[in-house]
C-alpha atoms as a PDB file:
ATOM      1  CA  MET A   1     194.795   8.065-212.705  1.00  0.00           C
ATOM      2  CA  LYS A   2     194.704   4.294-212.175  1.00  0.00           C
ATOM      3  CA  LYS A   3     198.470   4.305-211.533  1.00  0.00           C
ATOM      4  CA  ILE A   4     198.089   6.957-208.812  1.00  0.00           C
ATOM      5  CA  ILE A   5     195.295   5.027-207.081  1.00  0.00           C
ATOM      6  CA  PHE A   6     197.302   1.796-207.311  1.00  0.00           C
ATOM      7  CA  PHE A   7     200.402   3.539-205.911  1.00  0.00           C
ATOM      8  CA  LYS A   8     198.423   5.057-203.007  1.00  0.00           C
ATOM      9  CA  ALA A   9     196.863   1.656-202.230  1.00  0.00           C
ATOM     10  CA  LEU A  10     200.283   0.000-202.335  1.00  0.00           C
ATOM     11  CA  LEU A  11     201.787   2.687-200.125  1.00  0.00           C
ATOM     12  CA  PHE A  12     198.910   2.344-197.602  1.00  0.00           C
ATOM     13  CA  THR A  13     199.391  -1.444-197.534  1.00  0.00           C
ATOM     14  CA  VAL A  14     203.124  -1.128-196.879  1.00  0.00           C
ATOM     15  CA  PHE A  15     202.583   1.379-194.059  1.00  0.00           C
ATOM     16  CA  PHE A  16     199.841  -0.810-192.573  1.00  0.00           C
ATOM     17  CA  LEU A  17     202.037  -3.922-192.604  1.00  0.00           C
ATOM     18  CA  VAL A  18     205.000  -2.070-191.100  1.00  0.00           C
ATOM     19  CA  SER A  19     202.885  -0.505-188.356  1.00  0.00           C
ATOM     20  CA  CYS A  20     201.316  -3.881-187.502  1.00  0.00           C
ATOM     21  CA  LYS A  21     204.756  -5.489-187.404  1.00  0.00           C
ATOM     22  CA  ASN A  22     206.018  -2.787-185.016  1.00  0.00           C
ATOM     23  CA  ASP A  23     202.962  -3.215-182.756  1.00  0.00           C
ATOM     24  CA  ASP A  24     203.819  -6.903-182.278  1.00  0.00           C
ATOM     25  CA  LYS A  25     207.107  -6.101-180.564  1.00  0.00           C
ATOM     26  CA  ILE A  26     207.995  -3.248-178.261  1.00  0.00           C
ATOM     27  CA  CYS A  27     211.580  -2.167-178.825  1.00  0.00           C
ATOM     28  CA  THR A  28     213.781  -1.118-175.919  1.00  0.00           C
ATOM     29  CA  THR A  29     216.241   1.766-175.939  1.00  0.00           C
ATOM     30  CA  GLU A  30     219.173  -0.304-174.663  1.00  0.00           C
ATOM     31  CA  ALA A  31     222.188  -0.945-176.874  1.00  0.00           C
ATOM     32  CA  VAL A  32     222.520  -4.664-177.567  1.00  0.00           C
ATOM     33  CA  ALA A  33     225.889  -6.364-178.077  1.00  0.00           C
ATOM     34  CA  GLY A  34     226.205  -8.272-181.318  1.00  0.00           C
ATOM     35  CA  LEU A  35     228.979 -10.453-179.885  1.00  0.00           C
ATOM     36  CA  ASN A  36     229.234 -12.210-176.529  1.00  0.00           C
ATOM     37  CA  ILE A  37     232.479 -14.214-176.315  1.00  0.00           C
ATOM     38  CA  THR A  38     233.784 -16.529-173.578  1.00  0.00           C
ATOM     39  CA  ILE A  39     237.410 -17.689-173.546  1.00  0.00           C
ATOM     40  CA  LYS A  40     238.559 -20.913-171.871  1.00  0.00           C
ATOM     41  CA  ASP A  41     241.853 -22.675-171.289  1.00  0.00           C
ATOM     42  CA  VAL A  42     241.753 -25.809-173.452  1.00  0.00           C
ATOM     43  CA  ALA A  43     243.715 -27.849-170.877  1.00  0.00           C
ATOM     44  CA  THR A  44     241.814 -26.884-167.711  1.00  0.00           C
ATOM     45  CA  GLY A  45     238.435 -25.694-169.006  1.00  0.00           C
ATOM     46  CA  LEU A  46     238.741 -22.608-166.796  1.00  0.00           C
ATOM     47  CA  LYS A  47     237.416 -19.299-168.095  1.00  0.00           C
ATOM     48  CA  LEU A  48     240.157 -16.776-168.827  1.00  0.00           C
ATOM     49  CA  CYS A  49     240.096 -12.997-168.707  1.00  0.00           C
ATOM     50  CA  ASP A  50     243.312 -11.572-167.179  1.00  0.00           C
ATOM     51  CA  GLY A  51     245.637 -10.496-169.973  1.00  0.00           C
ATOM     52  CA  VAL A  52     243.262 -11.721-172.687  1.00  0.00           C
ATOM     53  CA  THR A  53     242.669  -9.538-175.736  1.00  0.00           C
ATOM     54  CA  VAL A  54     239.651 -10.319-177.914  1.00  0.00           C
ATOM     55  CA  THR A  55     239.272  -8.449-181.191  1.00  0.00           C
ATOM     56  CA  ALA A  56     236.387  -8.538-183.666  1.00  0.00           C
ATOM     57  CA  ASN A  57     237.257  -7.825-187.299  1.00  0.00           C
ATOM     58  CA  ASP A  58     234.776  -7.161-190.103  1.00  0.00           C
ATOM     59  CA  GLY A  59     236.627  -6.111-193.245  1.00  0.00           C
ATOM     60  CA  ASP A  60     238.338  -2.788-192.456  1.00  0.00           C
ATOM     61  CA  TYR A  61     236.434  -2.492-189.157  1.00  0.00           C
ATOM     62  CA  SER A  62     238.177  -3.678-185.995  1.00  0.00           C
ATOM     63  CA  GLU A  63     236.999  -3.498-182.390  1.00  0.00           C
ATOM     64  CA  ALA A  64     238.598  -4.630-179.129  1.00  0.00           C
ATOM     65  CA  LEU A  65     235.791  -6.301-177.183  1.00  0.00           C
ATOM     66  CA  GLN A  66     235.067  -5.104-173.647  1.00  0.00           C
ATOM     67  CA  LEU A  67     235.500  -7.408-170.664  1.00  0.00           C
ATOM     68  CA  PHE A  68     232.645  -7.782-168.190  1.00  0.00           C
ATOM     69  CA  THR A  69     233.183 -10.045-165.184  1.00  0.00           C
ATOM     70  CA  ASN A  70     229.821 -10.108-163.446  1.00  0.00           C
ATOM     71  CA  PRO A  71     228.906 -12.890-162.852  1.00  0.00           C
ATOM     72  CA  GLU A  72     231.262 -14.697-165.287  1.00  0.00           C
ATOM     73  CA  PRO A  73     234.002 -13.218-167.489  1.00  0.00           C
ATOM     74  CA  VAL A  74     232.677 -12.407-170.951  1.00  0.00           C
ATOM     75  CA  PHE A  75     233.906 -10.182-173.777  1.00  0.00           C
ATOM     76  CA  VAL A  76     231.219  -8.127-175.514  1.00  0.00           C
ATOM     77  CA  GLY A  77     231.087  -5.702-178.416  1.00  0.00           C
ATOM     78  CA  ALA A  78     229.719  -4.848-181.847  1.00  0.00           C
ATOM     79  CA  PHE A  79     226.909  -2.970-180.115  1.00  0.00           C
ATOM     80  CA  GLU A  80     224.025  -2.535-182.573  1.00  0.00           C
ATOM     81  CA  ARG A  81     226.370  -3.325-185.492  1.00  0.00           C
ATOM     82  CA  GLU A  82     225.601  -6.032-188.026  1.00  0.00           C
ATOM     83  CA  GLY A  83     228.584  -7.675-189.652  1.00  0.00           C
ATOM     84  CA  ASN A  84     230.591 -10.743-190.527  1.00  0.00           C
ATOM     85  CA  TYR A  85     233.130 -10.974-187.725  1.00  0.00           C
ATOM     86  CA  VAL A  86     236.315 -12.964-187.357  1.00  0.00           C
ATOM     87  CA  ILE A  87     237.400 -13.109-183.713  1.00  0.00           C
ATOM     88  CA  THR A  88     241.060 -13.122-182.723  1.00  0.00           C
ATOM     89  CA  VAL A  89     242.198 -13.979-179.210  1.00  0.00           C
ATOM     90  CA  THR A  90     245.632 -13.387-177.736  1.00  0.00           C
ATOM     91  CA  LYS A  91     247.108 -13.956-174.296  1.00  0.00           C
ATOM     92  CA  GLU A  92     250.740 -14.144-173.233  1.00  0.00           C
ATOM     93  CA  GLY A  93     251.807 -17.768-172.858  1.00  0.00           C
ATOM     94  CA  TYR A  94     249.016 -19.001-175.161  1.00  0.00           C
ATOM     95  CA  GLN A  95     248.802 -19.754-178.863  1.00  0.00           C
ATOM     96  CA  PRO A  96     246.914 -17.059-180.793  1.00  0.00           C
ATOM     97  CA  PHE A  97     243.408 -18.102-181.863  1.00  0.00           C
ATOM     98  CA  THR A  98     241.354 -17.062-184.899  1.00  0.00           C
ATOM     99  CA  SER A  99     237.695 -18.050-185.228  1.00  0.00           C
ATOM    100  CA  ASP A 100     235.546 -18.872-188.197  1.00  0.00           C
ATOM    101  CA  THR A 101     233.238 -16.054-189.297  1.00  0.00           C
ATOM    102  CA  MET A 102     230.424 -15.124-186.919  1.00  0.00           C
ATOM    103  CA  PHE A 103     227.414 -13.501-188.588  1.00  0.00           C
ATOM    104  CA  VAL A 104     225.594 -10.769-186.647  1.00  0.00           C
ATOM    105  CA  ILE A 105     222.187  -9.813-188.036  1.00  0.00           C
ATOM    106  CA  SER A 106     219.363  -7.578-186.800  1.00  0.00           C
ATOM    107  CA  ASP A 107     215.744  -8.195-185.970  1.00  0.00           C
ATOM    108  CA  ILE A 108     213.151  -5.423-186.091  1.00  0.00           C
ATOM    109  CA  CYS A 109     214.638  -3.658-183.035  1.00  0.00           C
ATOM    110  CA  HIS A 110     218.229  -4.711-182.339  1.00  0.00           C
ATOM    111  CA  VAL A 111     221.081  -6.932-183.406  1.00  0.00           C
ATOM    112  CA  VAL A 112     220.733 -10.598-182.532  1.00  0.00           C
ATOM    113  CA  THR A 113     223.550 -11.438-180.112  1.00  0.00           C
ATOM    114  CA  GLN A 114     225.868 -14.205-181.265  1.00  0.00           C
ATOM    115  CA  LEU A 115     227.425 -16.320-178.513  1.00  0.00           C
ATOM    116  CA  GLY A 116     230.907 -17.730-178.924  1.00  0.00           C
ATOM    117  CA  GLU A 117     232.960 -19.924-176.618  1.00  0.00           C
ATOM    118  CA  PHE A 118     236.545 -20.412-177.706  1.00  0.00           C
ATOM    119  CA  GLU A 119     239.354 -22.424-176.150  1.00  0.00           C
ATOM    120  CA  ILE A 120     242.958 -21.311-176.340  1.00  0.00           C
ATOM    121  CA  ALA A 121     245.952 -23.553-175.780  1.00  0.00           C
ATOM    122  CA  PRO A 122     249.012 -22.804-173.694  1.00  0.00           C
ATOM    123  CA  ILE A 123     252.280 -22.632-175.601  1.00  0.00           C
ATOM    124  CA  ASN A 124     254.235 -25.817-175.032  1.00  0.00           C
ATOM    125  CA  THR A 125     257.267 -24.749-173.084  1.00  0.00           C
ATOM    126  CA  LYS A 126     259.640 -27.526-172.235  1.00  0.00           C
ATOM    127  CA  LYS A 127     262.263 -27.082-169.589  1.00  0.00           C
ATOM    128  CA  ILE A 128     265.664 -27.893-170.995  1.00  0.00           C
ATOM    129  CA  ASN A 129     268.278 -29.147-168.526  1.00  0.00           C
ATOM    130  CA  TYR A 130     271.929 -28.736-169.444  1.00  0.00           C
END
């Protein structure tokens, strides 16, 4: 009998704490991007988007990030998905880039967006005169 009362009291406490925690923050219904990535040219500092491919990889999971250009070009993805992401960036005429791991976690409502700004370098092409 004591075990049942203790269990009910414990269960009530857990539900009370969870309900109080939820009352502190009102969650929205929007989908939040876990990754928000900006790509720049290392030589000029200009933001790049045309012809740029940004991919997020988490183990066997892979996602091509979506480009949004209003107001500035940014690649977003991993909507409401926690994970440990390695970002790869490719663009013709540039050296491929691979990031360190970016960790996307969640709060009580959504993922916490991780911001990344990566610079890619043009391939050194030298003109050869014969």
